[in-house]
Amino acid sequence: MAGFIAGVLFGLISVGVMLPMSFAEKRAALTAAFLNRFGIGVVIGCVELGRPGWLVGLAFGLLLSAPSALITRAYAPILGLGSVGGVLIGGLIHGWS
């Protein structure tokens, strides 16, 4: 449940960051961003790898953000937000050590 809530919050934050930007297909871009970030939260909430939560979050944040970064070629903002969000979600759900 924590991963679901974290995913919704992360998705809403991502959409909020993107709202002022202009896109050819804005609705599709916002929906894709929400679903991607929601998925990051859900996956991090579901996995238990025996590693520090922040590290698991970082790994999944980067892994699940990589396809969008490759397609859009906006590497820094997409990978940066994915990794920061993943670290925070992983640390909060599974611990920092």
N, C-alpha and C. Protein backbone atom coordinates (compact mmCIF):
# COMPACT_ATOMS: atom_id res chain seq x y z
N MET A 1 0.81 -1.19 0.00
CA MET A 1 0.00 0.00 0.00
C MET A 1 0.86 1.26 0.00
N ALA A 2 1.99 1.20 0.70
CA ALA A 2 2.88 2.36 0.76
C ALA A 2 3.44 2.68 -0.63
N GLY A 3 3.76 1.65 -1.40
CA GLY A 3 4.26 1.86 -2.76
C GLY A 3 3.21 2.49 -3.66
N PHE A 4 1.96 2.08 -3.50
CA PHE A 4 0.86 2.65 -4.28
C PHE A 4 0.71 4.14 -3.96
N ILE A 5 0.71 4.48 -2.69
CA ILE A 5 0.57 5.88 -2.28
C ILE A 5 1.77 6.70 -2.75
N ALA A 6 2.98 6.14 -2.56
CA ALA A 6 4.19 6.84 -3.02
C ALA A 6 4.17 7.04 -4.52
N GLY A 7 3.69 6.04 -5.27
CA GLY A 7 3.61 6.15 -6.72
C GLY A 7 2.64 7.23 -7.16
N VAL A 8 1.49 7.31 -6.50
CA VAL A 8 0.52 8.35 -6.84
C VAL A 8 1.12 9.73 -6.57
N LEU A 9 1.74 9.90 -5.40
CA LEU A 9 2.34 11.20 -5.07
C LEU A 9 3.48 11.55 -6.03
N PHE A 10 4.33 10.59 -6.33
CA PHE A 10 5.44 10.83 -7.25
C PHE A 10 4.92 11.17 -8.65
N GLY A 11 3.88 10.47 -9.08
CA GLY A 11 3.27 10.76 -10.37
C GLY A 11 2.68 12.16 -10.42
N LEU A 12 1.99 12.56 -9.37
CA LEU A 12 1.40 13.90 -9.34
C LEU A 12 2.47 14.99 -9.31
N ILE A 13 3.55 14.75 -8.59
CA ILE A 13 4.65 15.72 -8.58
C ILE A 13 5.25 15.85 -9.98
N SER A 14 5.45 14.73 -10.65
CA SER A 14 6.02 14.77 -12.00
C SER A 14 5.12 15.52 -12.97
N VAL A 15 3.82 15.26 -12.89
CA VAL A 15 2.87 15.96 -13.75
C VAL A 15 2.89 17.45 -13.43
N GLY A 16 2.94 17.79 -12.15
CA GLY A 16 2.99 19.20 -11.76
C GLY A 16 4.21 19.92 -12.31
N VAL A 17 5.34 19.23 -12.31
CA VAL A 17 6.57 19.82 -12.86
C VAL A 17 6.44 20.03 -14.36
N MET A 18 5.73 19.14 -15.04
CA MET A 18 5.62 19.20 -16.50
C MET A 18 4.51 20.12 -17.01
N LEU A 19 3.56 20.48 -16.16
CA LEU A 19 2.42 21.28 -16.62
C LEU A 19 2.80 22.55 -17.36
N PRO A 20 3.78 23.33 -16.89
CA PRO A 20 4.11 24.57 -17.62
C PRO A 20 4.81 24.35 -18.96
N MET A 21 5.29 23.16 -19.21
CA MET A 21 6.01 22.87 -20.45
C MET A 21 5.04 22.67 -21.61
N SER A 22 5.54 22.86 -22.83
CA SER A 22 4.69 22.63 -23.99
C SER A 22 5.16 21.39 -24.74
N PHE A 23 4.20 20.58 -25.16
CA PHE A 23 4.46 19.35 -25.89
C PHE A 23 3.47 19.26 -27.04
N ALA A 24 3.85 18.56 -28.08
CA ALA A 24 2.93 18.34 -29.20
C ALA A 24 1.73 17.53 -28.73
N GLU A 25 1.96 16.52 -27.95
CA GLU A 25 0.91 15.65 -27.40
C GLU A 25 0.95 15.76 -25.88
N LYS A 26 0.51 16.89 -25.35
CA LYS A 26 0.65 17.16 -23.92
C LYS A 26 -0.08 16.14 -23.05
N ARG A 27 -1.31 15.80 -23.39
CA ARG A 27 -2.07 14.84 -22.59
C ARG A 27 -1.35 13.48 -22.54
N ALA A 28 -0.85 13.04 -23.67
CA ALA A 28 -0.13 11.76 -23.71
C ALA A 28 1.16 11.84 -22.89
N ALA A 29 1.87 12.95 -22.99
CA ALA A 29 3.12 13.11 -22.25
C ALA A 29 2.87 13.12 -20.75
N LEU A 30 1.84 13.83 -20.30
CA LEU A 30 1.52 13.89 -18.88
C LEU A 30 1.05 12.53 -18.36
N THR A 31 0.25 11.84 -19.14
CA THR A 31 -0.22 10.51 -18.75
C THR A 31 0.95 9.53 -18.66
N ALA A 32 1.84 9.57 -19.64
CA ALA A 32 3.00 8.68 -19.63
C ALA A 32 3.90 8.98 -18.44
N ALA A 33 4.12 10.26 -18.14
CA ALA A 33 4.96 10.62 -17.01
C ALA A 33 4.34 10.14 -15.70
N PHE A 34 3.03 10.33 -15.55
CA PHE A 34 2.36 9.87 -14.34
C PHE A 34 2.50 8.35 -14.20
N LEU A 35 2.21 7.62 -15.26
CA LEU A 35 2.27 6.16 -15.19
C LEU A 35 3.68 5.65 -14.90
N ASN A 36 4.67 6.31 -15.49
CA ASN A 36 6.05 5.91 -15.24
C ASN A 36 6.42 6.09 -13.78
N ARG A 37 6.13 7.25 -13.23
CA ARG A 37 6.48 7.54 -11.84
C ARG A 37 5.63 6.72 -10.87
N PHE A 38 4.37 6.49 -11.22
CA PHE A 38 3.51 5.64 -10.41
C PHE A 38 4.10 4.23 -10.36
N GLY A 39 4.54 3.74 -11.51
CA GLY A 39 5.15 2.41 -11.59
C GLY A 39 6.39 2.30 -10.74
N ILE A 40 7.20 3.34 -10.71
CA ILE A 40 8.40 3.34 -9.88
C ILE A 40 8.02 3.15 -8.41
N GLY A 41 7.04 3.89 -7.95
CA GLY A 41 6.60 3.75 -6.56
C GLY A 41 6.07 2.38 -6.24
N VAL A 42 5.24 1.84 -7.13
CA VAL A 42 4.65 0.52 -6.90
C VAL A 42 5.73 -0.57 -6.88
N VAL A 43 6.63 -0.53 -7.84
CA VAL A 43 7.68 -1.56 -7.91
C VAL A 43 8.57 -1.50 -6.67
N ILE A 44 8.99 -0.31 -6.29
CA ILE A 44 9.85 -0.19 -5.11
C ILE A 44 9.11 -0.69 -3.86
N GLY A 45 7.83 -0.41 -3.78
CA GLY A 45 7.06 -0.89 -2.65
C GLY A 45 6.90 -2.40 -2.62
N CYS A 46 6.97 -3.04 -3.77
CA CYS A 46 6.75 -4.49 -3.86
C CYS A 46 8.01 -5.33 -3.69
N VAL A 47 9.17 -4.77 -3.95
CA VAL A 47 10.39 -5.58 -3.91
C VAL A 47 11.04 -5.58 -2.54
N GLU A 48 11.71 -6.64 -2.23
CA GLU A 48 12.47 -6.80 -1.00
C GLU A 48 13.75 -7.51 -1.39
N LEU A 49 14.83 -6.75 -1.58
CA LEU A 49 16.06 -7.33 -2.11
C LEU A 49 17.16 -7.52 -1.09
N GLY A 50 16.92 -7.17 0.16
CA GLY A 50 17.95 -7.33 1.17
C GLY A 50 19.08 -6.32 1.06
N ARG A 51 18.85 -5.25 0.38
CA ARG A 51 19.80 -4.15 0.24
C ARG A 51 19.19 -2.91 0.86
N PRO A 52 19.99 -1.86 1.10
CA PRO A 52 19.40 -0.63 1.63
C PRO A 52 18.28 -0.11 0.71
N GLY A 53 17.21 0.36 1.32
CA GLY A 53 16.05 0.81 0.56
C GLY A 53 16.38 1.91 -0.43
N TRP A 54 17.25 2.84 -0.03
CA TRP A 54 17.59 3.94 -0.94
C TRP A 54 18.31 3.42 -2.18
N LEU A 55 19.13 2.38 -2.01
CA LEU A 55 19.87 1.82 -3.14
C LEU A 55 18.94 1.08 -4.10
N VAL A 56 18.00 0.33 -3.54
CA VAL A 56 16.99 -0.35 -4.36
C VAL A 56 16.16 0.69 -5.11
N GLY A 57 15.78 1.76 -4.41
CA GLY A 57 15.02 2.84 -5.03
C GLY A 57 15.78 3.51 -6.16
N LEU A 58 17.05 3.76 -5.94
CA LEU A 58 17.89 4.36 -6.98
C LEU A 58 17.95 3.46 -8.20
N ALA A 59 18.18 2.18 -7.98
CA ALA A 59 18.29 1.24 -9.10
C ALA A 59 17.00 1.19 -9.92
N PHE A 60 15.87 1.05 -9.25
CA PHE A 60 14.60 0.97 -9.98
C PHE A 60 14.19 2.31 -10.56
N GLY A 61 14.50 3.40 -9.87
CA GLY A 61 14.21 4.73 -10.42
C GLY A 61 14.94 4.96 -11.73
N LEU A 62 16.21 4.59 -11.77
CA LEU A 62 16.99 4.75 -13.00
C LEU A 62 16.54 3.77 -14.08
N LEU A 63 16.37 2.52 -13.70
CA LEU A 63 15.99 1.49 -14.66
C LEU A 63 14.65 1.80 -15.33
N LEU A 64 13.66 2.20 -14.56
CA LEU A 64 12.34 2.45 -15.13
C LEU A 64 12.23 3.81 -15.81
N SER A 65 13.16 4.72 -15.54
CA SER A 65 13.17 6.02 -16.21
C SER A 65 13.95 5.99 -17.52
N ALA A 66 14.84 5.03 -17.67
CA ALA A 66 15.73 4.99 -18.84
C ALA A 66 15.00 4.96 -20.18
N PRO A 67 13.95 4.16 -20.37
CA PRO A 67 13.29 4.18 -21.69
C PRO A 67 12.74 5.55 -22.08
N SER A 68 12.11 6.25 -21.15
CA SER A 68 11.59 7.59 -21.45
C SER A 68 12.73 8.55 -21.77
N ALA A 69 13.83 8.43 -21.03
CA ALA A 69 14.97 9.31 -21.28
C ALA A 69 15.57 9.05 -22.67
N LEU A 70 15.64 7.80 -23.06
CA LEU A 70 16.18 7.47 -24.38
C LEU A 70 15.27 7.97 -25.50
N ILE A 71 13.98 7.82 -25.33
CA ILE A 71 13.03 8.24 -26.37
C ILE A 71 13.02 9.75 -26.53
N THR A 72 13.00 10.47 -25.41
CA THR A 72 12.88 11.93 -25.47
C THR A 72 14.22 12.63 -25.59
N ARG A 73 15.29 11.93 -25.27
CA ARG A 73 16.64 12.49 -25.23
C ARG A 73 16.77 13.60 -24.18
N ALA A 74 15.88 13.59 -23.21
CA ALA A 74 15.95 14.52 -22.08
C ALA A 74 16.51 13.73 -20.89
N TYR A 75 17.78 13.37 -20.99
CA TYR A 75 18.38 12.45 -20.04
C TYR A 75 18.44 13.02 -18.62
N ALA A 76 18.99 14.21 -18.46
CA ALA A 76 19.21 14.75 -17.11
C ALA A 76 17.91 14.92 -16.32
N PRO A 77 16.89 15.58 -16.86
CA PRO A 77 15.69 15.77 -16.04
C PRO A 77 14.94 14.47 -15.75
N ILE A 78 14.87 13.59 -16.70
CA ILE A 78 14.11 12.35 -16.50
C ILE A 78 14.86 11.40 -15.57
N LEU A 79 16.13 11.18 -15.84
CA LEU A 79 16.91 10.29 -14.98
C LEU A 79 17.15 10.91 -13.60
N GLY A 80 17.32 12.22 -13.57
CA GLY A 80 17.53 12.91 -12.29
C GLY A 80 16.31 12.80 -11.39
N LEU A 81 15.14 13.11 -11.92
CA LEU A 81 13.92 13.02 -11.12
C LEU A 81 13.61 11.57 -10.76
N GLY A 82 13.83 10.65 -11.68
CA GLY A 82 13.61 9.24 -11.39
C GLY A 82 14.51 8.72 -10.28
N SER A 83 15.78 9.13 -10.31
CA SER A 83 16.70 8.65 -9.28
C SER A 83 16.42 9.29 -7.93
N VAL A 84 16.13 10.58 -7.90
CA VAL A 84 15.83 11.24 -6.63
C VAL A 84 14.54 10.68 -6.03
N GLY A 85 13.52 10.55 -6.86
CA GLY A 85 12.27 9.97 -6.38
C GLY A 85 12.44 8.54 -5.91
N GLY A 86 13.20 7.76 -6.65
CA GLY A 86 13.46 6.37 -6.26
C GLY A 86 14.19 6.27 -4.94
N VAL A 87 15.20 7.10 -4.75
CA VAL A 87 15.95 7.10 -3.49
C VAL A 87 15.03 7.46 -2.33
N LEU A 88 14.23 8.49 -2.50
CA LEU A 88 13.32 8.91 -1.42
C LEU A 88 12.28 7.84 -1.11
N ILE A 89 11.66 7.30 -2.15
CA ILE A 89 10.64 6.27 -1.93
C ILE A 89 11.26 5.03 -1.31
N GLY A 90 12.37 4.57 -1.85
CA GLY A 90 13.04 3.39 -1.30
C GLY A 90 13.48 3.59 0.14
N GLY A 91 14.04 4.76 0.42
CA GLY A 91 14.48 5.04 1.79
C GLY A 91 13.33 5.11 2.76
N LEU A 92 12.25 5.75 2.35
CA LEU A 92 11.10 5.89 3.24
C LEU A 92 10.37 4.56 3.47
N ILE A 93 10.26 3.75 2.42
CA ILE A 93 9.52 2.49 2.55
C ILE A 93 10.38 1.39 3.18
N HIS A 94 11.63 1.25 2.74
CA HIS A 94 12.46 0.12 3.17
C HIS A 94 13.61 0.49 4.09
N GLY A 95 13.82 1.74 4.35
CA GLY A 95 14.88 2.16 5.26
C GLY A 95 16.11 2.68 4.54
N TRP A 96 16.93 3.37 5.32
CA TRP A 96 18.10 4.04 4.75
C TRP A 96 19.38 3.25 4.90
N SER A 97 19.34 2.16 5.66
CA SER A 97 20.60 1.40 5.84
C SER A 97 20.43 -0.05 5.44
